[in-house]
C-alpha atoms as a PDB file:
ATOM      1  CA  MET A   1      74.306 130.659 125.590  1.00  0.00           C
ATOM      2  CA  SER A   2      77.414 129.482 127.500  1.00  0.00           C
ATOM      3  CA  ASP A   3      80.629 131.427 127.891  1.00  0.00           C
ATOM      4  CA  PHE A   4      82.396 128.796 125.710  1.00  0.00           C
ATOM      5  CA  ALA A   5      80.148 129.693 122.825  1.00  0.00           C
ATOM      6  CA  ARG A   6      81.650 133.211 122.865  1.00  0.00           C
ATOM      7  CA  LEU A   7      84.811 131.895 121.326  1.00  0.00           C
ATOM      8  CA  SER A   8      84.580 133.430 117.746  1.00  0.00           C
ATOM      9  CA  ASN A   9      84.927 131.356 114.585  1.00  0.00           C
ATOM     10  CA  ARG A  10      85.866 132.108 111.001  1.00  0.00           C
ATOM     11  CA  PRO A  11      84.785 129.030 108.983  1.00  0.00           C
ATOM     12  CA  ASN A  12      86.097 128.363 105.510  1.00  0.00           C
ATOM     13  CA  ALA A  13      89.056 130.728 105.932  1.00  0.00           C
ATOM     14  CA  PRO A  14      91.222 130.491 102.709  1.00  0.00           C
ATOM     15  CA  ALA A  15      94.388 129.435 104.575  1.00  0.00           C
ATOM     16  CA  VAL A  16      92.559 126.487 106.164  1.00  0.00           C
ATOM     17  CA  LEU A  17      90.970 125.361 102.895  1.00  0.00           C
ATOM     18  CA  TRP A  18      94.282 125.597 100.981  1.00  0.00           C
ATOM     19  CA  LEU A  19      96.193 123.597 103.614  1.00  0.00           C
ATOM     20  CA  VAL A  20      93.485 120.912 103.570  1.00  0.00           C
ATOM     21  CA  GLY A  21      93.590 120.794  99.797  1.00  0.00           C
ATOM     22  CA  LEU A  22      97.379 120.593  99.783  1.00  0.00           C
ATOM     23  CA  THR A  23      97.308 117.807 102.295  1.00  0.00           C
ATOM     24  CA  CYS A  24      94.752 115.815 100.211  1.00  0.00           C
ATOM     25  CA  ILE A  25      96.934 115.836  97.114  1.00  0.00           C
ATOM     26  CA  PRO A  26      99.391 113.051  98.084  1.00  0.00           C
ATOM     27  CA  GLU A  27      96.545 110.569  99.042  1.00  0.00           C
ATOM     28  CA  ALA A  28      94.719 111.492  95.727  1.00  0.00           C
ATOM     29  CA  MET A  29      97.919 110.782  93.778  1.00  0.00           C
ATOM     30  CA  PHE A  30      98.383 107.460  95.506  1.00  0.00           C
ATOM     31  CA  THR A  31      94.913 106.388  94.559  1.00  0.00           C
ATOM     32  CA  LEU A  32      94.886 107.660  90.952  1.00  0.00           C
ATOM     33  CA  LEU A  33      98.343 106.719  89.886  1.00  0.00           C
ATOM     34  CA  GLY A  34      98.368 103.315  91.540  1.00  0.00           C
ATOM     35  CA  ALA A  35     101.402 101.116  91.654  1.00  0.00           C
ATOM     36  CA  ASP A  36     104.677 100.664  89.878  1.00  0.00           C
ATOM     37  CA  LEU A  37     105.347 104.303  89.212  1.00  0.00           C
ATOM     38  CA  ILE A  38     108.618 104.779  87.100  1.00  0.00           C
ATOM     39  CA  GLY A  39     109.718 101.325  88.187  1.00  0.00           C
ATOM     40  CA  GLN A  40     110.010 102.173  91.876  1.00  0.00           C
ATOM     41  CA  GLY A  41     107.183 100.057  93.104  1.00  0.00           C
ATOM     42  CA  ASN A  42     104.064 101.315  94.892  1.00  0.00           C
ATOM     43  CA  LEU A  43     103.952 105.134  95.022  1.00  0.00           C
ATOM     44  CA  ARG A  44     102.644 105.146  98.551  1.00  0.00           C
ATOM     45  CA  GLN A  45     105.533 102.993  99.693  1.00  0.00           C
ATOM     46  CA  VAL A  46     108.039 105.316  98.011  1.00  0.00           C
ATOM     47  CA  ALA A  47     106.479 108.345  99.619  1.00  0.00           C
ATOM     48  CA  MET A  48     106.591 106.647 103.051  1.00  0.00           C
ATOM     49  CA  VAL A  49     110.273 105.798 102.609  1.00  0.00           C
ATOM     50  CA  TYR A  50     111.187 109.417 101.677  1.00  0.00           C
ATOM     51  CA  GLY A  51     108.608 111.456 103.648  1.00  0.00           C
ATOM     52  CA  ALA A  52     107.477 109.565 106.690  1.00  0.00           C
ATOM     53  CA  PHE A  53     108.960 110.140 110.233  1.00  0.00           C
ATOM     54  CA  TRP A  54     111.476 107.446 110.978  1.00  0.00           C
ATOM     55  CA  ASN A  55     112.753 107.215 114.531  1.00  0.00           C
ATOM     56  CA  GLY A  56     115.661 105.100 113.394  1.00  0.00           C
ATOM     57  CA  LEU A  57     117.180 108.088 111.639  1.00  0.00           C
ATOM     58  CA  ILE A  58     117.516 109.781 115.037  1.00  0.00           C
ATOM     59  CA  SER A  59     117.852 106.995 117.550  1.00  0.00           C
ATOM     60  CA  ALA A  60     119.487 104.138 115.613  1.00  0.00           C
ATOM     61  CA  GLY A  61     121.895 105.948 113.370  1.00  0.00           C
ATOM     62  CA  TRP A  62     120.210 104.997 110.114  1.00  0.00           C
ATOM     63  CA  GLU A  63     121.670 106.606 107.064  1.00  0.00           C
ATOM     64  CA  ALA A  64     119.536 109.327 105.454  1.00  0.00           C
ATOM     65  CA  LEU A  65     118.433 108.788 101.830  1.00  0.00           C
ATOM     66  CA  TYR A  66     118.879 112.437 100.926  1.00  0.00           C
ATOM     67  CA  PRO A  67     120.410 115.591 102.440  1.00  0.00           C
ATOM     68  CA  PHE A  68     118.463 116.848 105.424  1.00  0.00           C
ATOM     69  CA  GLN A  69     116.019 113.979 105.527  1.00  0.00           C
ATOM     70  CA  ARG A  70     116.219 113.982 109.343  1.00  0.00           C
ATOM     71  CA  GLU A  71     115.081 117.579 109.389  1.00  0.00           C
ATOM     72  CA  VAL A  72     112.540 117.494 106.545  1.00  0.00           C
ATOM     73  CA  MET A  73     110.714 114.479 108.025  1.00  0.00           C
ATOM     74  CA  PHE A  74     109.664 116.626 111.110  1.00  0.00           C
ATOM     75  CA  LEU A  75     107.214 118.274 108.763  1.00  0.00           C
ATOM     76  CA  SER A  76     106.784 116.088 105.733  1.00  0.00           C
ATOM     77  CA  TYR A  77     105.134 113.248 107.697  1.00  0.00           C
ATOM     78  CA  ALA A  78     102.132 115.427 108.360  1.00  0.00           C
ATOM     79  CA  PHE A  79     101.236 115.521 104.634  1.00  0.00           C
ATOM     80  CA  LEU A  80     101.146 111.786 104.334  1.00  0.00           C
ATOM     81  CA  HIS A  81      98.456 109.397 105.644  1.00  0.00           C
ATOM     82  CA  GLY A  82      97.777 105.738 105.861  1.00  0.00           C
ATOM     83  CA  GLY A  83      94.625 105.912 103.694  1.00  0.00           C
ATOM     84  CA  PHE A  84      91.518 107.931 102.969  1.00  0.00           C
ATOM     85  CA  LEU A  85      89.863 107.268 106.315  1.00  0.00           C
ATOM     86  CA  HIS A  86      92.940 108.443 108.137  1.00  0.00           C
ATOM     87  CA  LEU A  87      93.134 111.560 105.902  1.00  0.00           C
ATOM     88  CA  ILE A  88      89.369 112.351 106.247  1.00  0.00           C
ATOM     89  CA  GLY A  89      89.416 112.071 109.966  1.00  0.00           C
ATOM     90  CA  ASN A  90      92.281 114.520 110.309  1.00  0.00           C
ATOM     91  CA  MET A  91      91.138 117.017 107.683  1.00  0.00           C
ATOM     92  CA  MET A  92      87.628 117.104 109.163  1.00  0.00           C
ATOM     93  CA  ALA A  93      89.210 118.081 112.474  1.00  0.00           C
ATOM     94  CA  VAL A  94      91.348 120.760 110.790  1.00  0.00           C
ATOM     95  CA  LEU A  95      88.273 122.237 109.078  1.00  0.00           C
ATOM     96  CA  ALA A  96      86.396 122.229 112.353  1.00  0.00           C
ATOM     97  CA  LEU A  97      89.163 123.839 114.394  1.00  0.00           C
ATOM     98  CA  GLY A  98      90.838 126.005 111.747  1.00  0.00           C
ATOM     99  CA  GLY A  99      88.082 128.755 111.947  1.00  0.00           C
ATOM    100  CA  ILE A 100      88.554 129.077 115.702  1.00  0.00           C
ATOM    101  CA  VAL A 101      92.297 129.507 115.357  1.00  0.00           C
ATOM    102  CA  VAL A 102      91.989 131.935 112.436  1.00  0.00           C
ATOM    103  CA  ALA A 103      89.462 134.029 114.362  1.00  0.00           C
ATOM    104  CA  ARG A 104      91.945 134.394 117.184  1.00  0.00           C
ATOM    105  CA  ILE A 105      95.315 134.679 115.563  1.00  0.00           C
ATOM    106  CA  GLY A 106      94.634 135.172 111.770  1.00  0.00           C
ATOM    107  CA  GLN A 107      95.487 133.063 108.848  1.00  0.00           C
ATOM    108  CA  GLN A 108      99.327 133.483 109.086  1.00  0.00           C
ATOM    109  CA  GLY A 109      99.056 132.592 112.789  1.00  0.00           C
ATOM    110  CA  PHE A 110      97.084 129.469 111.980  1.00  0.00           C
ATOM    111  CA  LEU A 111      99.696 128.366 109.460  1.00  0.00           C
ATOM    112  CA  LEU A 112     102.521 129.004 111.883  1.00  0.00           C
ATOM    113  CA  LEU A 113     100.663 127.094 114.639  1.00  0.00           C
ATOM    114  CA  TYR A 114     100.089 124.165 112.252  1.00  0.00           C
ATOM    115  CA  VAL A 115     103.743 123.964 111.226  1.00  0.00           C
ATOM    116  CA  LEU A 116     105.072 124.287 114.774  1.00  0.00           C
ATOM    117  CA  THR A 117     102.686 121.685 116.206  1.00  0.00           C
ATOM    118  CA  SER A 118     103.488 119.305 113.368  1.00  0.00           C
ATOM    119  CA  ILE A 119     107.132 119.623 114.411  1.00  0.00           C
ATOM    120  CA  GLY A 120     106.132 119.372 118.112  1.00  0.00           C
ATOM    121  CA  GLY A 121     104.177 116.206 117.314  1.00  0.00           C
ATOM    122  CA  ALA A 122     107.216 114.699 115.609  1.00  0.00           C
ATOM    123  CA  ALA A 123     109.460 115.686 118.547  1.00  0.00           C
ATOM    124  CA  GLY A 124     107.070 114.013 120.997  1.00  0.00           C
ATOM    125  CA  PHE A 125     107.194 110.824 118.921  1.00  0.00           C
ATOM    126  CA  ALA A 126     110.971 110.993 118.776  1.00  0.00           C
ATOM    127  CA  LEU A 127     111.291 111.457 122.504  1.00  0.00           C
ATOM    128  CA  LEU A 128     108.638 109.004 123.745  1.00  0.00           C
ATOM    129  CA  SER A 129     108.367 106.238 121.211  1.00  0.00           C
ATOM    130  CA  SER A 130     110.760 103.382 120.569  1.00  0.00           C
ATOM    131  CA  SER A 131     109.034 102.320 117.377  1.00  0.00           C
ATOM    132  CA  THR A 132     111.024 101.975 114.249  1.00  0.00           C
ATOM    133  CA  ALA A 133     107.875 101.841 112.039  1.00  0.00           C
ATOM    134  CA  PRO A 134     107.087 104.897 109.841  1.00  0.00           C
ATOM    135  CA  MET A 135     104.900 107.520 111.474  1.00  0.00           C
ATOM    136  CA  VAL A 136     102.589 109.603 109.220  1.00  0.00           C
ATOM    137  CA  GLY A 137      99.465 111.801 109.610  1.00  0.00           C
ATOM    138  CA  ALA A 138      98.474 115.295 110.584  1.00  0.00           C
ATOM    139  CA  SER A 139      97.143 114.291 113.934  1.00  0.00           C
ATOM    140  CA  GLY A 140     100.010 115.938 115.784  1.00  0.00           C
ATOM    141  CA  ALA A 141      98.957 119.215 114.254  1.00  0.00           C
ATOM    142  CA  VAL A 142      95.344 118.501 114.880  1.00  0.00           C
ATOM    143  CA  PHE A 143      96.089 117.958 118.576  1.00  0.00           C
ATOM    144  CA  GLY A 144      98.075 121.188 118.475  1.00  0.00           C
ATOM    145  CA  LEU A 145      94.998 123.012 117.323  1.00  0.00           C
ATOM    146  CA  ILE A 146      93.077 121.370 120.079  1.00  0.00           C
ATOM    147  CA  GLY A 147      95.656 122.477 122.546  1.00  0.00           C
ATOM    148  CA  ALA A 148      95.512 126.081 121.510  1.00  0.00           C
ATOM    149  CA  TRP A 149      91.624 125.900 121.483  1.00  0.00           C
ATOM    150  CA  LYS A 150      91.564 124.484 125.028  1.00  0.00           C
ATOM    151  CA  PHE A 151      93.938 127.111 126.263  1.00  0.00           C
ATOM    152  CA  TRP A 152      91.679 129.847 124.936  1.00  0.00           C
ATOM    153  CA  GLU A 153      88.697 128.142 126.543  1.00  0.00           C
ATOM    154  CA  TRP A 154      90.527 128.085 129.826  1.00  0.00           C
ATOM    155  CA  GLN A 155      91.491 131.740 129.369  1.00  0.00           C
ATOM    156  CA  LEU A 156      87.903 132.719 128.681  1.00  0.00           C
ATOM    157  CA  ARG A 157      86.466 130.724 131.589  1.00  0.00           C
ATOM    158  CA  ARG A 158      88.988 132.217 133.976  1.00  0.00           C
ATOM    159  CA  HIS A 159      88.252 135.673 132.752  1.00  0.00           C
ATOM    160  CA  THR A 160      84.440 135.299 133.113  1.00  0.00           C
ATOM    161  CA  GLY A 161      84.509 133.248 136.267  1.00  0.00           C
ATOM    162  CA  ALA A 162      82.811 130.308 134.525  1.00  0.00           C
ATOM    163  CA  ALA A 163      83.161 126.809 135.961  1.00  0.00           C
ATOM    164  CA  MET A 164      86.305 124.892 134.839  1.00  0.00           C
ATOM    165  CA  GLY A 165      84.625 121.483 135.260  1.00  0.00           C
ATOM    166  CA  PRO A 166      83.488 121.197 131.616  1.00  0.00           C
ATOM    167  CA  LEU A 167      87.037 121.970 130.407  1.00  0.00           C
ATOM    168  CA  TRP A 168      88.657 119.336 132.661  1.00  0.00           C
ATOM    169  CA  ARG A 169      85.981 116.731 131.585  1.00  0.00           C
ATOM    170  CA  SER A 170      86.654 117.469 127.957  1.00  0.00           C
ATOM    171  CA  LEU A 171      90.410 116.983 128.459  1.00  0.00           C
ATOM    172  CA  ALA A 172      89.730 113.742 130.328  1.00  0.00           C
ATOM    173  CA  GLY A 173      87.511 112.590 127.484  1.00  0.00           C
ATOM    174  CA  LEU A 174      90.282 113.402 125.032  1.00  0.00           C
ATOM    175  CA  ALA A 175      92.789 111.322 126.969  1.00  0.00           C
ATOM    176  CA  GLY A 176      90.251 108.495 127.240  1.00  0.00           C
ATOM    177  CA  LEU A 177      89.693 108.639 123.516  1.00  0.00           C
ATOM    178  CA  ASN A 178      93.391 108.185 122.860  1.00  0.00           C
ATOM    179  CA  VAL A 179      93.485 105.206 125.225  1.00  0.00           C
ATOM    180  CA  LEU A 180      90.471 103.588 123.537  1.00  0.00           C
ATOM    181  CA  LEU A 181      91.884 104.149 119.965  1.00  0.00           C
ATOM    182  CA  TRP A 182      95.290 102.762 121.174  1.00  0.00           C
ATOM    183  CA  LEU A 183      93.500  99.624 122.303  1.00  0.00           C
ATOM    184  CA  LEU A 184      91.336  99.283 119.181  1.00  0.00           C
ATOM    185  CA  LEU A 185      94.329  99.783 116.967  1.00  0.00           C
ATOM    186  CA  SER A 186      96.455  97.315 118.849  1.00  0.00           C
ATOM    187  CA  GLY A 187      99.005  99.980 119.855  1.00  0.00           C
ATOM    188  CA  LEU A 188      99.340 101.447 116.392  1.00  0.00           C
ATOM    189  CA  LEU A 189      98.252 104.888 117.528  1.00  0.00           C
ATOM    190  CA  ALA A 190     101.000 107.528 117.695  1.00  0.00           C
ATOM    191  CA  TRP A 191      99.792 109.012 120.989  1.00  0.00           C
ATOM    192  CA  GLU A 192     103.287 110.404 121.551  1.00  0.00           C
ATOM    193  CA  ALA A 193     102.780 112.741 118.523  1.00  0.00           C
ATOM    194  CA  HIS A 194      99.255 113.729 119.825  1.00  0.00           C
ATOM    195  CA  LEU A 195     100.826 114.595 123.171  1.00  0.00           C
ATOM    196  CA  GLY A 196     103.723 116.536 121.612  1.00  0.00           C
ATOM    197  CA  GLY A 197     101.470 118.449 119.276  1.00  0.00           C
ATOM    198  CA  PHE A 198      98.947 119.235 122.115  1.00  0.00           C
ATOM    199  CA  LEU A 199     101.598 120.594 124.466  1.00  0.00           C
ATOM    200  CA  THR A 200     103.170 122.656 121.663  1.00  0.00           C
ATOM    201  CA  GLY A 201      99.739 124.134 120.883  1.00  0.00           C
ATOM    202  CA  VAL A 202      99.116 125.069 124.495  1.00  0.00           C
ATOM    203  CA  ALA A 203     102.597 126.625 124.777  1.00  0.00           C
ATOM    204  CA  PHE A 204     102.166 128.532 121.480  1.00  0.00           C
ATOM    205  CA  ALA A 205      98.784 129.986 122.583  1.00  0.00           C
ATOM    206  CA  ALA A 206     100.140 130.829 125.962  1.00  0.00           C
ATOM    207  CA  ILE A 207     103.066 132.749 124.538  1.00  0.00           C
ATOM    208  CA  VAL A 208     101.423 134.580 121.632  1.00  0.00           C
ATOM    209  CA  THR A 209      97.985 135.247 123.223  1.00  0.00           C
ATOM    210  CA  PRO A 210      98.758 135.824 126.863  1.00  0.00           C
ATOM    211  CA  SER A 211      95.405 137.560 127.418  1.00  0.00           C
ATOM    212  CA  LEU A 212      91.940 137.673 125.861  1.00  0.00           C
ATOM    213  CA  ARG A 213      92.714 141.131 124.462  1.00  0.00           C
ATOM    214  CA  TYR A 214      95.916 140.039 122.739  1.00  0.00           C
ATOM    215  CA  ARG A 215      95.833 138.782 119.215  1.00  0.00           C
ATOM    216  CA  ILE A 216      98.802 138.320 116.861  1.00  0.00           C
END
């Protein structure tokens, strides 16, 4: 068994399951309630207008539709998705990674990491993207979980003297996957949010778990 396998896991932690369930609610509502809700057109479109991340509110001086929209959208976008496939892909990743995070920093730590990396993903998009299209999805947080996970793998490999090659190859593969998806999606991949979330996750793990013995 490899050193990497020694990273503990707590699958099906309540905080992870509740977060996934909460994130699934909007997409379920969009599907079940359909169009023309209370005369405001398609419900998904209404949610995007009010909850997606809009770069124009920051970089182009657009007028907010409600108080603190500029601040709220740094988190609300992570609970909206472009469809069931988008949602399922992200939530499967959260379920797979959430147990590793909970095992290391507990359920409250997992929720804090998820929130901060969602914000970090939005910040990355705001700083690096010039797009004025709405940005939605939990992938910024997903890459934040990956960032923390990879930091802990690096930490473990350094502690045990294990080779770092597999870690660097996995990171290269992650970068390559983003490039491939960006090409397949004709540039509609928010890689900026992925990068922002990943770096936030690495920074969070480095600060709150500076050693293998330290757990919050």
